[in-house]
């Protein structure tokens, strides 16, 4: 029936932020320790926590659908929803891979609730990005989350905040690219976001390229598809060993694939010159090096120029 009256003022802001905190606490309950509790009780608490997270997001979706979310909550909401979207889908994927043999009733219930968390988060983000009154705030929050440097050194990679930034960045890329480019051919992008295409494509290429930046214990090789001057590629053990960082690269690949499908496969390729140049540059500096990466790495490793490389690089 809806929320009567809609949340407003300081109290309304606290209510909305309280709901998103319930969702975050519920989803990340899995990572907390329950060593002193019996297994069945632990499973029940996990199911209850995930159910609370899903219900909280359902309430927020109701408010977003009526465009009554307090303006001061849009930025923190967008950031939290991206973390929830990415974390929930990651957990669902991991459970699908790891729990093929023993799927208890609790496991299935937890997985179902996490699916609701992911879908509700994605729907709320879409509503925020497609509404004129919230579009700019939500987009700015997502762009800030996407603008990360993947050339983290080994010490930074072990920092507890890295995981949150990875969740935020990957969820932001997924949500923003889906809203901008749609899901061709069935879903069209939000026309309101066309203004952001060029800067977003530039940002995606820049972020993807940072994984090749120099660091200690790395090898640099020149490579470029379109430039006369060779761009340096850095083969860094400390970066590639952190598999989470590659999740962002994959999200960028999928985002650019959405753009290409939307405009070239199912559309008419109606990109302006600046957008074409941004796309070509993003493919060149961010993605094309991966075409040569395995071959270059294998050649240098066999030549003895790279020693003691972690197995995750192969």
C-alpha atoms as a PDB file:
ATOM      1  CA  UNK A   1       0.000   0.000   0.000  1.00  0.00           C
ATOM      2  CA  UNK A   2       2.970   2.302   0.433  1.00  0.00           C
ATOM      3  CA  UNK A   3       4.596   4.334   3.176  1.00  0.00           C
ATOM      4  CA  UNK A   4       2.292   6.971   4.671  1.00  0.00           C
ATOM      5  CA  UNK A   5       3.549   9.632   5.135  1.00  0.00           C
ATOM      6  CA  UNK A   6       6.819   9.340   3.186  1.00  0.00           C
ATOM      7  CA  UNK A   7      10.015   9.622   5.267  1.00  0.00           C
ATOM      8  CA  UNK A   8      11.195  13.210   5.417  1.00  0.00           C
ATOM      9  CA  UNK A   9      13.544  15.435   7.378  1.00  0.00           C
ATOM     10  CA  UNK A  10      16.193  14.207   9.773  1.00  0.00           C
ATOM     11  CA  UNK A  11      14.035  11.358  11.103  1.00  0.00           C
ATOM     12  CA  UNK A  12      13.226  10.164   7.580  1.00  0.00           C
ATOM     13  CA  UNK A  13      16.915  10.223   6.702  1.00  0.00           C
ATOM     14  CA  UNK A  14      17.764   8.152   9.773  1.00  0.00           C
ATOM     15  CA  UNK A  15      15.049   5.629   8.893  1.00  0.00           C
ATOM     16  CA  UNK A  16      16.324   5.140   5.336  1.00  0.00           C
ATOM     17  CA  UNK A  17      19.965   4.874   6.409  1.00  0.00           C
ATOM     18  CA  UNK A  18      18.898   2.484   9.161  1.00  0.00           C
ATOM     19  CA  UNK A  19      17.210   0.244   6.586  1.00  0.00           C
ATOM     20  CA  UNK A  20      20.312   0.070   4.399  1.00  0.00           C
ATOM     21  CA  UNK A  21      22.425  -0.689   7.474  1.00  0.00           C
ATOM     22  CA  UNK A  22      20.103  -3.595   8.317  1.00  0.00           C
ATOM     23  CA  UNK A  23      20.601  -4.868   4.764  1.00  0.00           C
ATOM     24  CA  UNK A  24      24.394  -4.595   4.995  1.00  0.00           C
ATOM     25  CA  UNK A  25      24.560  -6.205   8.431  1.00  0.00           C
ATOM     26  CA  UNK A  26      22.273  -9.005   7.277  1.00  0.00           C
ATOM     27  CA  UNK A  27      24.163  -9.823   4.099  1.00  0.00           C
ATOM     28  CA  UNK A  28      27.597  -9.715   5.682  1.00  0.00           C
ATOM     29  CA  UNK A  29      26.448 -11.839   8.633  1.00  0.00           C
ATOM     30  CA  UNK A  30      27.981 -14.817   6.806  1.00  0.00           C
ATOM     31  CA  UNK A  31      31.471 -13.482   7.412  1.00  0.00           C
ATOM     32  CA  UNK A  32      31.020 -13.338  11.180  1.00  0.00           C
ATOM     33  CA  UNK A  33      32.228 -16.036  13.498  1.00  0.00           C
ATOM     34  CA  UNK A  34      29.773 -18.518  15.014  1.00  0.00           C
ATOM     35  CA  UNK A  35      32.235 -21.086  16.228  1.00  0.00           C
ATOM     36  CA  UNK A  36      30.529 -21.466  19.617  1.00  0.00           C
ATOM     37  CA  UNK A  37      27.069 -22.126  18.141  1.00  0.00           C
ATOM     38  CA  UNK A  38      25.699 -25.429  16.842  1.00  0.00           C
ATOM     39  CA  UNK A  39      25.679 -25.718  13.066  1.00  0.00           C
ATOM     40  CA  UNK A  40      21.889 -25.732  12.757  1.00  0.00           C
ATOM     41  CA  UNK A  41      21.519 -22.624  14.915  1.00  0.00           C
ATOM     42  CA  UNK A  42      24.201 -20.889  12.881  1.00  0.00           C
ATOM     43  CA  UNK A  43      22.331 -21.682   9.673  1.00  0.00           C
ATOM     44  CA  UNK A  44      19.089 -20.357  11.122  1.00  0.00           C
ATOM     45  CA  UNK A  45      20.735 -17.098  12.128  1.00  0.00           C
ATOM     46  CA  UNK A  46      22.283 -16.731   8.678  1.00  0.00           C
ATOM     47  CA  UNK A  47      18.902 -17.308   7.039  1.00  0.00           C
ATOM     48  CA  UNK A  48      17.246 -14.789   9.370  1.00  0.00           C
ATOM     49  CA  UNK A  49      19.946 -12.203   8.669  1.00  0.00           C
ATOM     50  CA  UNK A  50      19.660 -12.600   4.883  1.00  0.00           C
ATOM     51  CA  UNK A  51      15.848 -12.430   5.120  1.00  0.00           C
ATOM     52  CA  UNK A  52      16.096  -9.150   7.051  1.00  0.00           C
ATOM     53  CA  UNK A  53      18.432  -7.792   4.376  1.00  0.00           C
ATOM     54  CA  UNK A  54      16.010  -8.734   1.592  1.00  0.00           C
ATOM     55  CA  UNK A  55      13.004  -7.250   3.418  1.00  0.00           C
ATOM     56  CA  UNK A  56      14.837  -3.994   4.156  1.00  0.00           C
ATOM     57  CA  UNK A  57      15.699  -3.600   0.482  1.00  0.00           C
ATOM     58  CA  UNK A  58      12.112  -4.399  -0.525  1.00  0.00           C
ATOM     59  CA  UNK A  59      10.998  -1.490   1.676  1.00  0.00           C
ATOM     60  CA  UNK A  60      13.583   0.811   0.102  1.00  0.00           C
ATOM     61  CA  UNK A  61      12.472  -0.297  -3.371  1.00  0.00           C
ATOM     62  CA  UNK A  62       8.927   0.709  -2.484  1.00  0.00           C
ATOM     63  CA  UNK A  63      10.147   4.182  -1.523  1.00  0.00           C
ATOM     64  CA  UNK A  64      12.351   4.499  -4.611  1.00  0.00           C
ATOM     65  CA  UNK A  65       9.493   3.521  -6.916  1.00  0.00           C
ATOM     66  CA  UNK A  66       7.471   6.433  -5.523  1.00  0.00           C
ATOM     67  CA  UNK A  67      10.460   8.824  -5.664  1.00  0.00           C
ATOM     68  CA  UNK A  68      10.202   9.708  -1.974  1.00  0.00           C
ATOM     69  CA  UNK A  69      13.723   8.832  -0.837  1.00  0.00           C
ATOM     70  CA  UNK A  70      15.220  11.836   1.037  1.00  0.00           C
ATOM     71  CA  UNK A  71      17.731  13.630  -1.179  1.00  0.00           C
ATOM     72  CA  UNK A  72      20.451  13.522   1.466  1.00  0.00           C
ATOM     73  CA  UNK A  73      20.416   9.707   1.425  1.00  0.00           C
ATOM     74  CA  UNK A  74      20.940   9.186  -2.328  1.00  0.00           C
ATOM     75  CA  UNK A  75      24.752   9.239  -2.268  1.00  0.00           C
ATOM     76  CA  UNK A  76      25.278   6.827   0.653  1.00  0.00           C
ATOM     77  CA  UNK A  77      22.440   4.633  -0.619  1.00  0.00           C
ATOM     78  CA  UNK A  78      23.969   4.307  -4.090  1.00  0.00           C
ATOM     79  CA  UNK A  79      27.344   3.362  -2.639  1.00  0.00           C
ATOM     80  CA  UNK A  80      25.883   0.774  -0.259  1.00  0.00           C
ATOM     81  CA  UNK A  81      23.611  -0.742  -2.908  1.00  0.00           C
ATOM     82  CA  UNK A  82      26.571  -1.319  -5.227  1.00  0.00           C
ATOM     83  CA  UNK A  83      28.422  -3.168  -2.466  1.00  0.00           C
ATOM     84  CA  UNK A  84      25.341  -5.254  -1.723  1.00  0.00           C
ATOM     85  CA  UNK A  85      24.776  -6.069  -5.404  1.00  0.00           C
ATOM     86  CA  UNK A  86      28.326  -7.233  -5.985  1.00  0.00           C
ATOM     87  CA  UNK A  87      28.701  -9.085  -2.666  1.00  0.00           C
ATOM     88  CA  UNK A  88      25.369 -10.902  -3.012  1.00  0.00           C
ATOM     89  CA  UNK A  89      26.063 -12.081  -6.549  1.00  0.00           C
ATOM     90  CA  UNK A  90      29.579 -13.149  -5.575  1.00  0.00           C
ATOM     91  CA  UNK A  91      28.215 -15.198  -2.668  1.00  0.00           C
ATOM     92  CA  UNK A  92      25.562 -16.800  -4.879  1.00  0.00           C
ATOM     93  CA  UNK A  93      28.192 -17.747  -7.445  1.00  0.00           C
ATOM     94  CA  UNK A  94      30.533 -19.181  -4.810  1.00  0.00           C
ATOM     95  CA  UNK A  95      27.758 -21.221  -3.218  1.00  0.00           C
ATOM     96  CA  UNK A  96      26.728 -22.594  -6.600  1.00  0.00           C
ATOM     97  CA  UNK A  97      30.261 -23.769  -7.235  1.00  0.00           C
ATOM     98  CA  UNK A  98      31.079 -25.094  -3.773  1.00  0.00           C
ATOM     99  CA  UNK A  99      27.863 -26.654  -2.519  1.00  0.00           C
ATOM    100  CA  UNK A 100      26.779 -28.954  -5.304  1.00  0.00           C
ATOM    101  CA  UNK A 101      26.883 -32.061  -3.089  1.00  0.00           C
ATOM    102  CA  UNK A 102      25.143 -30.944   0.104  1.00  0.00           C
ATOM    103  CA  UNK A 103      22.435 -28.353  -0.416  1.00  0.00           C
ATOM    104  CA  UNK A 104      20.485 -28.205   2.821  1.00  0.00           C
ATOM    105  CA  UNK A 105      17.148 -26.469   3.194  1.00  0.00           C
ATOM    106  CA  UNK A 106      18.920 -23.623   4.971  1.00  0.00           C
ATOM    107  CA  UNK A 107      21.491 -23.257   2.187  1.00  0.00           C
ATOM    108  CA  UNK A 108      18.745 -22.992  -0.423  1.00  0.00           C
ATOM    109  CA  UNK A 109      16.843 -20.475   1.671  1.00  0.00           C
ATOM    110  CA  UNK A 110      19.945 -18.337   2.212  1.00  0.00           C
ATOM    111  CA  UNK A 111      20.750 -18.443  -1.508  1.00  0.00           C
ATOM    112  CA  UNK A 112      17.167 -17.418  -2.348  1.00  0.00           C
ATOM    113  CA  UNK A 113      17.292 -14.444   0.030  1.00  0.00           C
ATOM    114  CA  UNK A 114      20.637 -13.342  -1.400  1.00  0.00           C
ATOM    115  CA  UNK A 115      19.097 -13.488  -4.866  1.00  0.00           C
ATOM    116  CA  UNK A 116      16.373 -11.117  -3.618  1.00  0.00           C
ATOM    117  CA  UNK A 117      19.070  -8.838  -2.169  1.00  0.00           C
ATOM    118  CA  UNK A 118      20.878  -8.673  -5.532  1.00  0.00           C
ATOM    119  CA  UNK A 119      17.724  -8.116  -7.593  1.00  0.00           C
ATOM    120  CA  UNK A 120      16.297  -5.486  -5.229  1.00  0.00           C
ATOM    121  CA  UNK A 121      19.628  -3.629  -5.133  1.00  0.00           C
ATOM    122  CA  UNK A 122      19.809  -3.587  -8.941  1.00  0.00           C
ATOM    123  CA  UNK A 123      16.213  -2.369  -9.264  1.00  0.00           C
ATOM    124  CA  UNK A 124      16.677   0.446  -6.748  1.00  0.00           C
ATOM    125  CA  UNK A 125      19.853   1.586  -8.505  1.00  0.00           C
ATOM    126  CA  UNK A 126      18.045   1.564 -11.856  1.00  0.00           C
ATOM    127  CA  UNK A 127      15.227   3.703 -10.390  1.00  0.00           C
ATOM    128  CA  UNK A 128      17.697   6.173  -8.919  1.00  0.00           C
ATOM    129  CA  UNK A 129      19.666   6.443 -12.174  1.00  0.00           C
ATOM    130  CA  UNK A 130      16.576   6.843 -14.350  1.00  0.00           C
ATOM    131  CA  UNK A 131      14.936   9.585 -12.291  1.00  0.00           C
ATOM    132  CA  UNK A 132      15.772  13.221 -13.047  1.00  0.00           C
ATOM    133  CA  UNK A 133      15.804  14.246  -9.388  1.00  0.00           C
ATOM    134  CA  UNK A 134      18.267  11.545  -8.285  1.00  0.00           C
ATOM    135  CA  UNK A 135      20.225  10.777 -11.454  1.00  0.00           C
ATOM    136  CA  UNK A 136      23.131  13.185 -10.943  1.00  0.00           C
ATOM    137  CA  UNK A 137      23.713  12.338  -7.280  1.00  0.00           C
ATOM    138  CA  UNK A 138      23.567   8.601  -7.900  1.00  0.00           C
ATOM    139  CA  UNK A 139      25.819   8.814 -10.969  1.00  0.00           C
ATOM    140  CA  UNK A 140      28.420  10.885  -9.118  1.00  0.00           C
ATOM    141  CA  UNK A 141      28.490   8.349  -6.289  1.00  0.00           C
ATOM    142  CA  UNK A 142      28.964   5.456  -8.719  1.00  0.00           C
ATOM    143  CA  UNK A 143      31.663   7.268 -10.696  1.00  0.00           C
ATOM    144  CA  UNK A 144      33.594   7.961  -7.500  1.00  0.00           C
ATOM    145  CA  UNK A 145      33.414   4.253  -6.628  1.00  0.00           C
ATOM    146  CA  UNK A 146      34.573   3.191 -10.109  1.00  0.00           C
ATOM    147  CA  UNK A 147      37.612   5.480 -10.099  1.00  0.00           C
ATOM    148  CA  UNK A 148      40.032   3.047  -8.440  1.00  0.00           C
ATOM    149  CA  UNK A 149      43.681   2.263  -9.060  1.00  0.00           C
ATOM    150  CA  UNK A 150      44.254  -1.448  -9.637  1.00  0.00           C
ATOM    151  CA  UNK A 151      48.027  -1.150  -9.330  1.00  0.00           C
ATOM    152  CA  UNK A 152      47.855  -1.742  -5.595  1.00  0.00           C
ATOM    153  CA  UNK A 153      51.027  -3.002  -3.993  1.00  0.00           C
ATOM    154  CA  UNK A 154      51.025  -6.164  -1.948  1.00  0.00           C
ATOM    155  CA  UNK A 155      50.681  -4.371   1.364  1.00  0.00           C
ATOM    156  CA  UNK A 156      47.671  -2.380   0.167  1.00  0.00           C
ATOM    157  CA  UNK A 157      46.084  -5.548  -1.169  1.00  0.00           C
ATOM    158  CA  UNK A 158      46.051  -7.015   2.306  1.00  0.00           C
ATOM    159  CA  UNK A 159      44.317  -3.934   3.758  1.00  0.00           C
ATOM    160  CA  UNK A 160      40.802  -4.713   4.998  1.00  0.00           C
ATOM    161  CA  UNK A 161      39.314  -1.780   3.054  1.00  0.00           C
ATOM    162  CA  UNK A 162      40.341  -3.188  -0.306  1.00  0.00           C
ATOM    163  CA  UNK A 163      37.530  -5.719  -0.422  1.00  0.00           C
ATOM    164  CA  UNK A 164      34.905  -3.004   0.156  1.00  0.00           C
ATOM    165  CA  UNK A 165      36.369  -0.847  -2.618  1.00  0.00           C
ATOM    166  CA  UNK A 166      36.363  -3.810  -4.996  1.00  0.00           C
ATOM    167  CA  UNK A 167      32.749  -4.619  -4.176  1.00  0.00           C
ATOM    168  CA  UNK A 168      31.791  -0.963  -4.632  1.00  0.00           C
ATOM    169  CA  UNK A 169      33.655  -0.582  -7.915  1.00  0.00           C
ATOM    170  CA  UNK A 170      32.440  -3.801  -9.529  1.00  0.00           C
ATOM    171  CA  UNK A 171      28.850  -3.205  -8.430  1.00  0.00           C
ATOM    172  CA  UNK A 172      28.988   0.399  -9.662  1.00  0.00           C
ATOM    173  CA  UNK A 173      30.320  -0.623 -13.074  1.00  0.00           C
ATOM    174  CA  UNK A 174      27.598  -3.239 -13.421  1.00  0.00           C
ATOM    175  CA  UNK A 175      24.761  -0.942 -12.346  1.00  0.00           C
ATOM    176  CA  UNK A 176      25.875   2.131 -14.296  1.00  0.00           C
ATOM    177  CA  UNK A 177      26.662   0.271 -17.525  1.00  0.00           C
ATOM    178  CA  UNK A 178      23.333  -1.576 -17.392  1.00  0.00           C
ATOM    179  CA  UNK A 179      21.468   1.708 -16.932  1.00  0.00           C
ATOM    180  CA  UNK A 180      23.466   3.470 -19.664  1.00  0.00           C
ATOM    181  CA  UNK A 181      23.619   0.772 -22.329  1.00  0.00           C
ATOM    182  CA  UNK A 182      20.757  -1.521 -21.296  1.00  0.00           C
ATOM    183  CA  UNK A 183      20.753  -5.257 -21.852  1.00  0.00           C
ATOM    184  CA  UNK A 184      20.536  -5.605 -25.646  1.00  0.00           C
ATOM    185  CA  UNK A 185      18.384  -6.419 -27.426  1.00  0.00           C
ATOM    186  CA  UNK A 186      15.531  -6.665 -24.896  1.00  0.00           C
ATOM    187  CA  UNK A 187      16.303  -3.704 -22.595  1.00  0.00           C
ATOM    188  CA  UNK A 188      17.197  -0.198 -23.724  1.00  0.00           C
ATOM    189  CA  UNK A 189      19.421   2.138 -21.735  1.00  0.00           C
ATOM    190  CA  UNK A 190      18.223   5.256 -19.911  1.00  0.00           C
ATOM    191  CA  UNK A 191      18.263   8.221 -22.377  1.00  0.00           C
ATOM    192  CA  UNK A 192      18.877  10.584 -19.459  1.00  0.00           C
ATOM    193  CA  UNK A 193      22.362   9.094 -19.033  1.00  0.00           C
ATOM    194  CA  UNK A 194      23.565   9.681 -22.598  1.00  0.00           C
ATOM    195  CA  UNK A 195      25.380  12.797 -21.396  1.00  0.00           C
ATOM    196  CA  UNK A 196      27.683  10.572 -19.302  1.00  0.00           C
ATOM    197  CA  UNK A 197      28.705   8.163 -22.061  1.00  0.00           C
ATOM    198  CA  UNK A 198      31.988   9.795 -23.072  1.00  0.00           C
ATOM    199  CA  UNK A 199      33.392  10.425 -19.538  1.00  0.00           C
ATOM    200  CA  UNK A 200      32.285   6.977 -18.355  1.00  0.00           C
ATOM    201  CA  UNK A 201      33.943   5.197 -21.306  1.00  0.00           C
ATOM    202  CA  UNK A 202      37.122   7.197 -20.670  1.00  0.00           C
ATOM    203  CA  UNK A 203      37.017   6.250 -16.989  1.00  0.00           C
ATOM    204  CA  UNK A 204      36.514   2.542 -17.731  1.00  0.00           C
ATOM    205  CA  UNK A 205      39.538   2.499 -20.038  1.00  0.00           C
ATOM    206  CA  UNK A 206      41.664   4.363 -17.508  1.00  0.00           C
ATOM    207  CA  UNK A 207      40.740   2.062 -14.626  1.00  0.00           C
ATOM    208  CA  UNK A 208      41.338  -1.097 -16.681  1.00  0.00           C
ATOM    209  CA  UNK A 209      44.763   0.195 -17.731  1.00  0.00           C
ATOM    210  CA  UNK A 210      45.942   0.806 -14.150  1.00  0.00           C
ATOM    211  CA  UNK A 211      46.495  -2.913 -13.627  1.00  0.00           C
ATOM    212  CA  UNK A 212      49.441  -2.619 -16.036  1.00  0.00           C
ATOM    213  CA  UNK A 213      51.150   0.213 -14.161  1.00  0.00           C
ATOM    214  CA  UNK A 214      54.695  -0.306 -12.978  1.00  0.00           C
ATOM    215  CA  UNK A 215      55.617  -1.613  -9.562  1.00  0.00           C
ATOM    216  CA  UNK A 216      58.508  -3.420  -8.021  1.00  0.00           C
ATOM    217  CA  UNK A 217      59.234  -6.937  -9.307  1.00  0.00           C
ATOM    218  CA  UNK A 218      57.557  -6.232 -12.637  1.00  0.00           C
ATOM    219  CA  UNK A 219      58.421  -6.410 -16.320  1.00  0.00           C
ATOM    220  CA  UNK A 220      57.533  -3.708 -18.866  1.00  0.00           C
ATOM    221  CA  UNK A 221      56.798  -4.476 -22.515  1.00  0.00           C
ATOM    222  CA  UNK A 222      55.675  -2.049 -25.243  1.00  0.00           C
ATOM    223  CA  UNK A 223      52.343  -2.778 -26.923  1.00  0.00           C
ATOM    224  CA  UNK A 224      49.499  -0.855 -28.572  1.00  0.00           C
ATOM    225  CA  UNK A 225      46.927  -1.603 -31.237  1.00  0.00           C
ATOM    226  CA  UNK A 226      46.412   1.933 -32.522  1.00  0.00           C
ATOM    227  CA  UNK A 227      49.212   4.203 -31.245  1.00  0.00           C
ATOM    228  CA  UNK A 228      52.523   4.658 -33.047  1.00  0.00           C
ATOM    229  CA  UNK A 229      54.235   4.988 -29.676  1.00  0.00           C
ATOM    230  CA  UNK A 230      54.263   1.762 -27.701  1.00  0.00           C
ATOM    231  CA  UNK A 231      52.417   1.830 -24.383  1.00  0.00           C
ATOM    232  CA  UNK A 232      54.148   0.081 -21.461  1.00  0.00           C
ATOM    233  CA  UNK A 233      52.595  -3.100 -20.121  1.00  0.00           C
ATOM    234  CA  UNK A 234      53.588  -4.112 -16.624  1.00  0.00           C
ATOM    235  CA  UNK A 235      53.511  -7.751 -15.587  1.00  0.00           C
ATOM    236  CA  UNK A 236      53.125  -7.408 -11.842  1.00  0.00           C
ATOM    237  CA  UNK A 237      52.982 -10.397  -9.525  1.00  0.00           C
ATOM    238  CA  UNK A 238      51.674  -8.307  -6.624  1.00  0.00           C
ATOM    239  CA  UNK A 239      48.690  -7.084  -8.652  1.00  0.00           C
ATOM    240  CA  UNK A 240      47.676 -10.237 -10.508  1.00  0.00           C
ATOM    241  CA  UNK A 241      47.956 -12.405  -7.430  1.00  0.00           C
ATOM    242  CA  UNK A 242      44.980 -10.524  -6.028  1.00  0.00           C
ATOM    243  CA  UNK A 243      42.245 -12.147  -8.084  1.00  0.00           C
ATOM    244  CA  UNK A 244      39.608  -9.719  -6.792  1.00  0.00           C
ATOM    245  CA  UNK A 245      41.205  -6.938  -8.844  1.00  0.00           C
ATOM    246  CA  UNK A 246      40.586  -8.882 -12.043  1.00  0.00           C
ATOM    247  CA  UNK A 247      36.859  -8.903 -11.250  1.00  0.00           C
ATOM    248  CA  UNK A 248      36.793  -5.172 -12.020  1.00  0.00           C
ATOM    249  CA  UNK A 249      38.553  -5.740 -15.344  1.00  0.00           C
ATOM    250  CA  UNK A 250      35.935  -8.362 -16.213  1.00  0.00           C
ATOM    251  CA  UNK A 251      33.110  -5.974 -15.288  1.00  0.00           C
ATOM    252  CA  UNK A 252      34.659  -3.354 -17.587  1.00  0.00           C
ATOM    253  CA  UNK A 253      34.850  -5.898 -20.415  1.00  0.00           C
ATOM    254  CA  UNK A 254      31.154  -6.696 -19.919  1.00  0.00           C
ATOM    255  CA  UNK A 255      30.270  -2.986 -19.775  1.00  0.00           C
ATOM    256  CA  UNK A 256      32.012  -2.246 -23.071  1.00  0.00           C
ATOM    257  CA  UNK A 257      30.383  -5.344 -24.548  1.00  0.00           C
ATOM    258  CA  UNK A 258      26.983  -3.909 -23.592  1.00  0.00           C
ATOM    259  CA  UNK A 259      27.873  -0.683 -25.374  1.00  0.00           C
ATOM    260  CA  UNK A 260      29.024  -2.486 -28.514  1.00  0.00           C
ATOM    261  CA  UNK A 261      25.944  -4.735 -28.562  1.00  0.00           C
ATOM    262  CA  UNK A 262      23.633  -1.783 -27.972  1.00  0.00           C
ATOM    263  CA  UNK A 263      25.086   0.489 -30.644  1.00  0.00           C
ATOM    264  CA  UNK A 264      26.713  -1.784 -33.230  1.00  0.00           C
ATOM    265  CA  UNK A 265      25.102  -5.206 -33.049  1.00  0.00           C
ATOM    266  CA  UNK A 266      21.491  -4.215 -32.394  1.00  0.00           C
ATOM    267  CA  UNK A 267      21.714  -0.468 -33.031  1.00  0.00           C
ATOM    268  CA  UNK A 268      22.902   1.767 -35.865  1.00  0.00           C
ATOM    269  CA  UNK A 269      26.298   2.759 -34.462  1.00  0.00           C
ATOM    270  CA  UNK A 270      25.116   6.295 -33.818  1.00  0.00           C
ATOM    271  CA  UNK A 271      28.086   7.387 -31.692  1.00  0.00           C
ATOM    272  CA  UNK A 272      29.456  10.924 -31.915  1.00  0.00           C
ATOM    273  CA  UNK A 273      33.162  11.343 -32.868  1.00  0.00           C
ATOM    274  CA  UNK A 274      34.219  11.922 -29.245  1.00  0.00           C
ATOM    275  CA  UNK A 275      32.427   8.762 -28.121  1.00  0.00           C
ATOM    276  CA  UNK A 276      34.085   6.749 -30.897  1.00  0.00           C
ATOM    277  CA  UNK A 277      37.507   8.009 -29.853  1.00  0.00           C
ATOM    278  CA  UNK A 278      36.781   7.274 -26.189  1.00  0.00           C
ATOM    279  CA  UNK A 279      35.719   3.718 -27.039  1.00  0.00           C
ATOM    280  CA  UNK A 280      38.774   3.069 -29.217  1.00  0.00           C
ATOM    281  CA  UNK A 281      41.100   4.447 -26.558  1.00  0.00           C
ATOM    282  CA  UNK A 282      39.413   2.392 -23.812  1.00  0.00           C
ATOM    283  CA  UNK A 283      39.822  -0.780 -25.874  1.00  0.00           C
ATOM    284  CA  UNK A 284      43.424   0.126 -26.687  1.00  0.00           C
ATOM    285  CA  UNK A 285      44.820   1.064 -23.272  1.00  0.00           C
ATOM    286  CA  UNK A 286      42.518  -1.032 -21.099  1.00  0.00           C
ATOM    287  CA  UNK A 287      41.735  -4.279 -22.904  1.00  0.00           C
ATOM    288  CA  UNK A 288      43.950  -4.863 -25.940  1.00  0.00           C
ATOM    289  CA  UNK A 289      47.074  -5.605 -23.824  1.00  0.00           C
ATOM    290  CA  UNK A 290      45.370  -8.766 -22.574  1.00  0.00           C
ATOM    291  CA  UNK A 291      45.575 -10.158 -26.125  1.00  0.00           C
ATOM    292  CA  UNK A 292      49.359 -10.273 -25.802  1.00  0.00           C
ATOM    293  CA  UNK A 293      49.686 -10.730 -22.065  1.00  0.00           C
ATOM    294  CA  UNK A 294      49.820 -14.574 -21.945  1.00  0.00           C
ATOM    295  CA  UNK A 295      52.203 -14.820 -24.905  1.00  0.00           C
ATOM    296  CA  UNK A 296      54.554 -12.134 -23.580  1.00  0.00           C
ATOM    297  CA  UNK A 297      54.504 -13.589 -20.101  1.00  0.00           C
ATOM    298  CA  UNK A 298      55.184 -17.138 -21.285  1.00  0.00           C
ATOM    299  CA  UNK A 299      58.070 -15.997 -23.482  1.00  0.00           C
ATOM    300  CA  UNK A 300      59.716 -13.971 -20.721  1.00  0.00           C
ATOM    301  CA  UNK A 301      59.207 -16.744 -18.162  1.00  0.00           C
ATOM    302  CA  UNK A 302      60.840 -19.339 -20.427  1.00  0.00           C
ATOM    303  CA  UNK A 303      63.708 -16.939 -21.089  1.00  0.00           C
ATOM    304  CA  UNK A 304      64.347 -16.741 -17.342  1.00  0.00           C
ATOM    305  CA  UNK A 305      63.611 -13.013 -17.100  1.00  0.00           C
ATOM    306  CA  UNK A 306      60.821 -13.566 -14.583  1.00  0.00           C
ATOM    307  CA  UNK A 307      61.488 -15.703 -11.538  1.00  0.00           C
ATOM    308  CA  UNK A 308      59.274 -17.162  -8.794  1.00  0.00           C
ATOM    309  CA  UNK A 309      55.992 -16.139 -10.372  1.00  0.00           C
ATOM    310  CA  UNK A 310      52.878 -17.077  -8.463  1.00  0.00           C
ATOM    311  CA  UNK A 311      50.788 -19.860  -9.962  1.00  0.00           C
ATOM    312  CA  UNK A 312      47.748 -17.548 -10.111  1.00  0.00           C
ATOM    313  CA  UNK A 313      49.390 -15.619 -12.958  1.00  0.00           C
ATOM    314  CA  UNK A 314      49.295 -18.569 -15.338  1.00  0.00           C
END
